[in-house]
PDB file of N, CA and C in Angstrom:
ATOM      1  N   MET A   1       0.856  -1.162   0.000  1.00  0.00           N
ATOM      2  CA  MET A   1       0.000   0.000   0.000  1.00  0.00           C
ATOM      3  C   MET A   1       0.904   1.226   0.000  1.00  0.00           C
ATOM      4  N   ARG A   2       0.659   2.134  -0.918  1.00  0.00           N
ATOM      5  CA  ARG A   2       1.467   3.346  -1.006  1.00  0.00           C
ATOM      6  C   ARG A   2       0.745   4.494  -0.317  1.00  0.00           C
ATOM      7  N   LEU A   3       1.483   5.211   0.514  1.00  0.00           N
ATOM      8  CA  LEU A   3       0.933   6.344   1.244  1.00  0.00           C
ATOM      9  C   LEU A   3       1.860   7.538   1.079  1.00  0.00           C
ATOM     10  N   THR A   4       1.281   8.731   1.180  1.00  0.00           N
ATOM     11  CA  THR A   4       2.121   9.917   1.195  1.00  0.00           C
ATOM     12  C   THR A   4       2.928   9.896   2.488  1.00  0.00           C
ATOM     13  N   PRO A   5       4.099  10.514   2.518  1.00  0.00           N
ATOM     14  CA  PRO A   5       4.949  10.438   3.714  1.00  0.00           C
ATOM     15  C   PRO A   5       4.283  10.948   5.001  1.00  0.00           C
ATOM     16  N   GLU A   6       3.412  11.946   4.887  1.00  0.00           N
ATOM     17  CA  GLU A   6       2.817  12.512   6.100  1.00  0.00           C
ATOM     18  C   GLU A   6       1.624  11.711   6.622  1.00  0.00           C
ATOM     19  N   LEU A   7       1.023  10.886   5.797  1.00  0.00           N
ATOM     20  CA  LEU A   7      -0.178  10.161   6.221  1.00  0.00           C
ATOM     21  C   LEU A   7       0.062   9.200   7.384  1.00  0.00           C
ATOM     22  N   PRO A   8       1.115   8.379   7.385  1.00  0.00           N
ATOM     23  CA  PRO A   8       1.330   7.497   8.549  1.00  0.00           C
ATOM     24  C   PRO A   8       1.530   8.274   9.853  1.00  0.00           C
ATOM     25  N   ALA A   9       2.191   9.410   9.777  1.00  0.00           N
ATOM     26  CA  ALA A   9       2.401  10.215  10.989  1.00  0.00           C
ATOM     27  C   ALA A   9       1.076  10.765  11.508  1.00  0.00           C
ATOM     28  N   LYS A  10       0.208  11.213  10.606  1.00  0.00           N
ATOM     29  CA  LYS A  10      -1.109  11.713  11.011  1.00  0.00           C
ATOM     30  C   LYS A  10      -1.952  10.594  11.612  1.00  0.00           C
ATOM     31  N   ALA A  11      -1.885   9.410  11.000  1.00  0.00           N
ATOM     32  CA  ALA A  11      -2.634   8.264  11.523  1.00  0.00           C
ATOM     33  C   ALA A  11      -2.111   7.870  12.896  1.00  0.00           C
ATOM     34  N   GLU A  12      -0.798   7.906  13.051  1.00  0.00           N
ATOM     35  CA  GLU A  12      -0.182   7.581  14.346  1.00  0.00           C
ATOM     36  C   GLU A  12      -0.652   8.557  15.428  1.00  0.00           C
ATOM     37  N   ALA A  13      -0.696   9.854  15.093  1.00  0.00           N
ATOM     38  CA  ALA A  13      -1.143  10.864  16.057  1.00  0.00           C
ATOM     39  C   ALA A  13      -2.613  10.669  16.428  1.00  0.00           C
ATOM     40  N   GLN A  14      -3.446  10.388  15.429  1.00  0.00           N
ATOM     41  CA  GLN A  14      -4.874  10.162  15.702  1.00  0.00           C
ATOM     42  C   GLN A  14      -5.069   8.910  16.550  1.00  0.00           C
ATOM     43  N   ALA A  15      -4.326   7.860  16.239  1.00  0.00           N
ATOM     44  CA  ALA A  15      -4.414   6.627  17.015  1.00  0.00           C
ATOM     45  C   ALA A  15      -4.011   6.875  18.461  1.00  0.00           C
ATOM     46  N   ALA A  16      -2.946   7.640  18.665  1.00  0.00           N
ATOM     47  CA  ALA A  16      -2.486   7.941  20.030  1.00  0.00           C
ATOM     48  C   ALA A  16      -3.553   8.701  20.805  1.00  0.00           C
ATOM     49  N   GLN A  17      -4.247   9.638  20.137  1.00  0.00           N
ATOM     50  CA  GLN A  17      -5.315  10.376  20.815  1.00  0.00           C
ATOM     51  C   GLN A  17      -6.447   9.450  21.255  1.00  0.00           C
ATOM     52  N   LEU A  18      -6.648   8.392  20.497  1.00  0.00           N
ATOM     53  CA  LEU A  18      -7.707   7.432  20.813  1.00  0.00           C
ATOM     54  C   LEU A  18      -7.231   6.307  21.729  1.00  0.00           C
ATOM     55  N   GLY A  19      -5.941   6.333  22.063  1.00  0.00           N
ATOM     56  CA  GLY A  19      -5.393   5.295  22.931  1.00  0.00           C
ATOM     57  C   GLY A  19      -5.151   3.979  22.220  1.00  0.00           C
ATOM     58  N   LEU A  20      -4.901   4.034  20.919  1.00  0.00           N
ATOM     59  CA  LEU A  20      -4.684   2.833  20.116  1.00  0.00           C
ATOM     60  C   LEU A  20      -3.307   2.895  19.463  1.00  0.00           C
ATOM     61  N   ASP A  21      -2.835   1.734  19.013  1.00  0.00           N
ATOM     62  CA  ASP A  21      -1.660   1.779  18.146  1.00  0.00           C
ATOM     63  C   ASP A  21      -2.164   1.970  16.717  1.00  0.00           C
ATOM     64  N   ARG A  22      -1.264   2.295  15.807  1.00  0.00           N
ATOM     65  CA  ARG A  22      -1.671   2.617  14.443  1.00  0.00           C
ATOM     66  C   ARG A  22      -2.381   1.450  13.765  1.00  0.00           C
ATOM     67  N   ALA A  23      -1.906   0.234  13.967  1.00  0.00           N
ATOM     68  CA  ALA A  23      -2.521  -0.935  13.338  1.00  0.00           C
ATOM     69  C   ALA A  23      -3.966  -1.117  13.808  1.00  0.00           C
ATOM     70  N   ALA A  24      -4.201  -0.970  15.101  1.00  0.00           N
ATOM     71  CA  ALA A  24      -5.562  -1.102  15.626  1.00  0.00           C
ATOM     72  C   ALA A  24      -6.463   0.010  15.091  1.00  0.00           C
ATOM     73  N   TYR A  25      -5.914   1.202  14.971  1.00  0.00           N
ATOM     74  CA  TYR A  25      -6.672   2.329  14.437  1.00  0.00           C
ATOM     75  C   TYR A  25      -7.090   2.055  12.990  1.00  0.00           C
ATOM     76  N   VAL A  26      -6.157   1.603  12.172  1.00  0.00           N
ATOM     77  CA  VAL A  26      -6.444   1.317  10.765  1.00  0.00           C
ATOM     78  C   VAL A  26      -7.433   0.157  10.645  1.00  0.00           C
ATOM     79  N   ARG A  27      -7.234  -0.896  11.433  1.00  0.00           N
ATOM     80  CA  ARG A  27      -8.185  -2.021  11.417  1.00  0.00           C
ATOM     81  C   ARG A  27      -9.590  -1.540  11.758  1.00  0.00           C
ATOM     82  N   GLY A  28      -9.685  -0.696  12.782  1.00  0.00           N
ATOM     83  CA  GLY A  28     -10.988  -0.168  13.188  1.00  0.00           C
ATOM     84  C   GLY A  28     -11.660   0.635  12.078  1.00  0.00           C
ATOM     85  N   LEU A  29     -10.876   1.434  11.374  1.00  0.00           N
ATOM     86  CA  LEU A  29     -11.435   2.207  10.262  1.00  0.00           C
ATOM     87  C   LEU A  29     -11.943   1.294   9.156  1.00  0.00           C
ATOM     88  N   ILE A  30     -11.166   0.265   8.837  1.00  0.00           N
ATOM     89  CA  ILE A  30     -11.573  -0.672   7.791  1.00  0.00           C
ATOM     90  C   ILE A  30     -12.839  -1.417   8.205  1.00  0.00           C
ATOM     91  N   GLU A  31     -12.878  -1.904   9.451  1.00  0.00           N
ATOM     92  CA  GLU A  31     -14.064  -2.616   9.932  1.00  0.00           C
ATOM     93  C   GLU A  31     -15.290  -1.716   9.920  1.00  0.00           C
ATOM     94  N   GLN A  32     -15.123  -0.473  10.347  1.00  0.00           N
ATOM     95  CA  GLN A  32     -16.233   0.481  10.365  1.00  0.00           C
ATOM     96  C   GLN A  32     -16.733   0.742   8.943  1.00  0.00           C
ATOM     97  N   ASP A  33     -15.816   0.900   8.003  1.00  0.00           N
ATOM     98  CA  ASP A  33     -16.194   1.148   6.619  1.00  0.00           C
ATOM     99  C   ASP A  33     -16.934  -0.050   6.025  1.00  0.00           C
ATOM    100  N   LEU A  34     -16.448  -1.252   6.281  1.00  0.00           N
ATOM    101  CA  LEU A  34     -17.079  -2.444   5.741  1.00  0.00           C
ATOM    102  C   LEU A  34     -18.432  -2.723   6.384  1.00  0.00           C
ATOM    103  N   LYS A  35     -18.590  -2.367   7.633  1.00  0.00           N
ATOM    104  CA  LYS A  35     -19.855  -2.565   8.327  1.00  0.00           C
ATOM    105  C   LYS A  35     -20.940  -1.675   7.732  1.00  0.00           C
ATOM    106  N   GLY A  36     -20.554  -0.472   7.293  1.00  0.00           N
ATOM    107  CA  GLY A  36     -21.523   0.469   6.731  1.00  0.00           C
ATOM    108  C   GLY A  36     -22.100   0.006   5.420  1.00  0.00           C
ATOM    109  N   GLY A  37     -21.371  -0.785   4.671  1.00  0.00           N
ATOM    110  CA  GLY A  37     -21.856  -1.264   3.385  1.00  0.00           C
ATOM    111  C   GLY A  37     -21.775  -0.194   2.308  1.00  0.00           C
ATOM    112  N   PRO A  38     -21.962  -0.600   1.065  1.00  0.00           N
ATOM    113  CA  PRO A  38     -21.814   0.333  -0.042  1.00  0.00           C
ATOM    114  C   PRO A  38     -22.914   1.379  -0.134  1.00  0.00           C
ATOM    115  N   GLY A  39     -24.078   1.130   0.445  1.00  0.00           N
ATOM    116  CA  GLY A  39     -25.184   2.075   0.346  1.00  0.00           C
ATOM    117  C   GLY A  39     -25.024   3.309   1.210  1.00  0.00           C
ATOM    118  N   ASN A  40     -24.115   3.299   2.160  1.00  0.00           N
ATOM    119  CA  ASN A  40     -23.981   4.417   3.086  1.00  0.00           C
ATOM    120  C   ASN A  40     -22.930   5.437   2.662  1.00  0.00           C
ATOM    121  N   VAL A  41     -22.307   5.252   1.521  1.00  0.00           N
ATOM    122  CA  VAL A  41     -21.278   6.173   1.065  1.00  0.00           C
ATOM    123  C   VAL A  41     -21.943   7.318   0.322  1.00  0.00           C
ATOM    124  N   PRO A  42     -21.709   8.571   0.741  1.00  0.00           N
ATOM    125  CA  PRO A  42     -22.335   9.685   0.033  1.00  0.00           C
ATOM    126  C   PRO A  42     -21.771   9.801  -1.381  1.00  0.00           C
ATOM    127  N   ARG A  43     -22.628  10.116  -2.328  1.00  0.00           N
ATOM    128  CA  ARG A  43     -22.185  10.260  -3.707  1.00  0.00           C
ATOM    129  C   ARG A  43     -21.524  11.617  -3.880  1.00  0.00           C
ATOM    130  N   GLN A  44     -20.475  11.643  -4.652  1.00  0.00           N
ATOM    131  CA  GLN A  44     -19.733  12.867  -4.890  1.00  0.00           C
ATOM    132  C   GLN A  44     -19.518  13.037  -6.381  1.00  0.00           C
ATOM    133  N   PHE A  45     -19.077  14.220  -6.751  1.00  0.00           N
ATOM    134  CA  PHE A  45     -18.714  14.454  -8.137  1.00  0.00           C
ATOM    135  C   PHE A  45     -17.463  13.652  -8.410  1.00  0.00           C
ATOM    136  N   ALA A  46     -17.542  12.682  -9.300  1.00  0.00           N
ATOM    137  CA  ALA A  46     -16.487  11.696  -9.428  1.00  0.00           C
ATOM    138  C   ALA A  46     -15.501  11.945 -10.560  1.00  0.00           C
ATOM    139  N   SER A  47     -15.816  12.801 -11.513  1.00  0.00           N
ATOM    140  CA  SER A  47     -14.948  12.964 -12.663  1.00  0.00           C
ATOM    141  C   SER A  47     -13.981  14.115 -12.464  1.00  0.00           C
ATOM    142  N   GLU A  48     -12.739  13.799 -12.136  1.00  0.00           N
ATOM    143  CA  GLU A  48     -11.740  14.852 -11.992  1.00  0.00           C
ATOM    144  C   GLU A  48     -11.347  15.422 -13.347  1.00  0.00           C
ATOM    145  N   ASP A  49     -11.663  14.726 -14.432  1.00  0.00           N
ATOM    146  CA  ASP A  49     -11.360  15.242 -15.761  1.00  0.00           C
ATOM    147  C   ASP A  49     -12.153  16.509 -16.048  1.00  0.00           C
ATOM    148  N   LEU A  50     -13.336  16.632 -15.447  1.00  0.00           N
ATOM    149  CA  LEU A  50     -14.191  17.781 -15.728  1.00  0.00           C
ATOM    150  C   LEU A  50     -14.048  18.914 -14.711  1.00  0.00           C
ATOM    151  N   VAL A  51     -13.294  18.713 -13.658  1.00  0.00           N
ATOM    152  CA  VAL A  51     -13.139  19.751 -12.653  1.00  0.00           C
ATOM    153  C   VAL A  51     -12.501  20.964 -13.312  1.00  0.00           C
ATOM    154  N   GLY A  52     -13.133  22.107 -13.152  1.00  0.00           N
ATOM    155  CA  GLY A  52     -12.625  23.340 -13.732  1.00  0.00           C
ATOM    156  C   GLY A  52     -13.005  23.536 -15.185  1.00  0.00           C
ATOM    157  N   ALA A  53     -13.714  22.578 -15.784  1.00  0.00           N
ATOM    158  CA  ALA A  53     -14.071  22.680 -17.188  1.00  0.00           C
ATOM    159  C   ALA A  53     -15.318  23.536 -17.408  1.00  0.00           C
ATOM    160  N   PHE A  54     -16.058  23.829 -16.354  1.00  0.00           N
ATOM    161  CA  PHE A  54     -17.297  24.571 -16.482  1.00  0.00           C
ATOM    162  C   PHE A  54     -17.321  25.744 -15.521  1.00  0.00           C
ATOM    163  N   ARG A  55     -17.885  26.832 -15.974  1.00  0.00           N
ATOM    164  CA  ARG A  55     -18.078  27.996 -15.100  1.00  0.00           C
ATOM    165  C   ARG A  55     -19.401  27.804 -14.377  1.00  0.00           C
ATOM    166  N   LEU A  56     -19.308  27.695 -13.068  1.00  0.00           N
ATOM    167  CA  LEU A  56     -20.505  27.403 -12.278  1.00  0.00           C
ATOM    168  C   LEU A  56     -20.876  28.555 -11.353  1.00  0.00           C
ATOM    169  N   GLY A  57     -20.279  29.708 -11.540  1.00  0.00           N
ATOM    170  CA  GLY A  57     -20.622  30.863 -10.712  1.00  0.00           C
ATOM    171  C   GLY A  57     -20.308  30.657  -9.251  1.00  0.00           C
ATOM    172  N   GLY A  58     -19.205  30.001  -8.949  1.00  0.00           N
ATOM    173  CA  GLY A  58     -18.801  29.786  -7.565  1.00  0.00           C
ATOM    174  C   GLY A  58     -19.460  28.592  -6.897  1.00  0.00           C
ATOM    175  N   GLN A  59     -20.322  27.878  -7.608  1.00  0.00           N
ATOM    176  CA  GLN A  59     -20.983  26.705  -7.037  1.00  0.00           C
ATOM    177  C   GLN A  59     -20.070  25.496  -7.166  1.00  0.00           C
ATOM    178  N   HIS A  60     -20.298  24.519  -6.303  1.00  0.00           N
ATOM    179  CA  HIS A  60     -19.539  23.280  -6.372  1.00  0.00           C
ATOM    180  C   HIS A  60     -19.949  22.485  -7.609  1.00  0.00           C
ATOM    181  N   ALA A  61     -18.990  21.787  -8.195  1.00  0.00           N
ATOM    182  CA  ALA A  61     -19.281  20.927  -9.349  1.00  0.00           C
ATOM    183  C   ALA A  61     -19.906  19.645  -8.845  1.00  0.00           C
ATOM    184  N   THR A  62     -21.165  19.444  -9.171  1.00  0.00           N
ATOM    185  CA  THR A  62     -21.842  18.197  -8.818  1.00  0.00           C
ATOM    186  C   THR A  62     -22.258  17.519 -10.112  1.00  0.00           C
ATOM    187  N   ASN A  63     -22.526  16.239 -10.037  1.00  0.00           N
ATOM    188  CA  ASN A  63     -22.970  15.513 -11.230  1.00  0.00           C
ATOM    189  C   ASN A  63     -24.215  16.165 -11.825  1.00  0.00           C
ATOM    190  N   ARG A  64     -25.153  16.535 -10.980  1.00  0.00           N
ATOM    191  CA  ARG A  64     -26.413  17.125 -11.455  1.00  0.00           C
ATOM    192  C   ARG A  64     -26.162  18.443 -12.192  1.00  0.00           C
ATOM    193  N   ARG A  65     -25.332  19.323 -11.621  1.00  0.00           N
ATOM    194  CA  ARG A  65     -25.052  20.604 -12.280  1.00  0.00           C
ATOM    195  C   ARG A  65     -24.333  20.413 -13.610  1.00  0.00           C
ATOM    196  N   ILE A  66     -23.368  19.522 -13.631  1.00  0.00           N
ATOM    197  CA  ILE A  66     -22.622  19.280 -14.864  1.00  0.00           C
ATOM    198  C   ILE A  66     -23.540  18.686 -15.927  1.00  0.00           C
ATOM    199  N   ARG A  67     -24.419  17.767 -15.547  1.00  0.00           N
ATOM    200  CA  ARG A  67     -25.365  17.190 -16.509  1.00  0.00           C
ATOM    201  C   ARG A  67     -26.263  18.267 -17.113  1.00  0.00           C
ATOM    202  N   LYS A  68     -26.745  19.203 -16.261  1.00  0.00           N
ATOM    203  CA  LYS A  68     -27.601  20.280 -16.755  1.00  0.00           C
ATOM    204  C   LYS A  68     -26.850  21.159 -17.747  1.00  0.00           C
ATOM    205  N   ILE A  69     -25.617  21.493 -17.429  1.00  0.00           N
ATOM    206  CA  ILE A  69     -24.813  22.322 -18.331  1.00  0.00           C
ATOM    207  C   ILE A  69     -24.587  21.603 -19.655  1.00  0.00           C
ATOM    208  N   LEU A  70     -24.221  20.332 -19.584  1.00  0.00           N
ATOM    209  CA  LEU A  70     -23.994  19.565 -20.808  1.00  0.00           C
ATOM    210  C   LEU A  70     -25.266  19.454 -21.634  1.00  0.00           C
ATOM    211  N   GLN A  71     -26.401  19.236 -20.964  1.00  0.00           N
ATOM    212  CA  GLN A  71     -27.668  19.120 -21.670  1.00  0.00           C
ATOM    213  C   GLN A  71     -28.006  20.430 -22.387  1.00  0.00           C
ATOM    214  N   LYS A  72     -27.805  21.565 -21.725  1.00  0.00           N
ATOM    215  CA  LYS A  72     -28.057  22.860 -22.356  1.00  0.00           C
ATOM    216  C   LYS A  72     -27.154  23.055 -23.566  1.00  0.00           C
ATOM    217  N   ARG A  73     -25.895  22.684 -23.444  1.00  0.00           N
ATOM    218  CA  ARG A  73     -24.957  22.828 -24.569  1.00  0.00           C
ATOM    219  C   ARG A  73     -25.357  21.945 -25.745  1.00  0.00           C
ATOM    220  N   ILE A  74     -25.780  20.720 -25.452  1.00  0.00           N
ATOM    221  CA  ILE A  74     -26.194  19.808 -26.527  1.00  0.00           C
ATOM    222  C   ILE A  74     -27.436  20.350 -27.226  1.00  0.00           C
ATOM    223  N   LEU A  75     -28.426  20.785 -26.447  1.00  0.00           N
ATOM    224  CA  LEU A  75     -29.641  21.332 -27.041  1.00  0.00           C
ATOM    225  C   LEU A  75     -29.345  22.581 -27.856  1.00  0.00           C
ATOM    226  N   SER A  76     -28.471  23.418 -27.361  1.00  0.00           N
ATOM    227  CA  SER A  76     -28.082  24.630 -28.073  1.00  0.00           C
ATOM    228  C   SER A  76     -27.383  24.294 -29.387  1.00  0.00           C
ATOM    229  N   ALA A  77     -26.513  23.301 -29.355  1.00  0.00           N
ATOM    230  CA  ALA A  77     -25.795  22.888 -30.565  1.00  0.00           C
ATOM    231  C   ALA A  77     -26.775  22.300 -31.585  1.00  0.00           C
ATOM    232  N   ARG A  78     -27.756  21.558 -31.126  1.00  0.00           N
ATOM    233  CA  ARG A  78     -28.747  20.966 -32.036  1.00  0.00           C
ATOM    234  C   ARG A  78     -29.570  22.074 -32.710  1.00  0.00           C
ATOM    235  N   GLU A  79     -29.954  23.089 -31.945  1.00  0.00           N
ATOM    236  CA  GLU A  79     -30.737  24.186 -32.487  1.00  0.00           C
ATOM    237  C   GLU A  79     -29.946  24.969 -33.530  1.00  0.00           C
ATOM    238  N   SER A  80     -28.664  25.156 -33.288  1.00  0.00           N
ATOM    239  CA  SER A  80     -27.856  25.938 -34.223  1.00  0.00           C
ATOM    240  C   SER A  80     -27.545  25.179 -35.499  1.00  0.00           C
ATOM    241  N   HIS A  81     -27.663  23.864 -35.483  1.00  0.00           N
ATOM    242  CA  HIS A  81     -27.369  23.047 -36.680  1.00  0.00           C
ATOM    243  C   HIS A  81     -28.622  22.738 -37.507  1.00  0.00           C
ATOM    244  N   ARG A  82     -29.753  23.286 -37.131  1.00  0.00           N
ATOM    245  CA  ARG A  82     -30.984  23.032 -37.900  1.00  0.00           C
ATOM    246  C   ARG A  82     -31.047  23.896 -39.107  1.00  0.00           C
TER     247      ARG A  82
END
């Protein structure tokens, strides 16, 4: 498993605050994540390829907003090609 150099130190500090060693802390996180199941993960904007590709007026890029923008562009392009 590859980690950034600072991540193990941060995990070690968090584990110490909880009174655990790093291995127990990581095991606990994995067990907690697996117990939640796939349905409990909040959906996020997943395409980093599109980040910054659209002007959203300071709003966060969400799948719904990007879909609306793309739909408007497609409809506009269809109208101009008639």
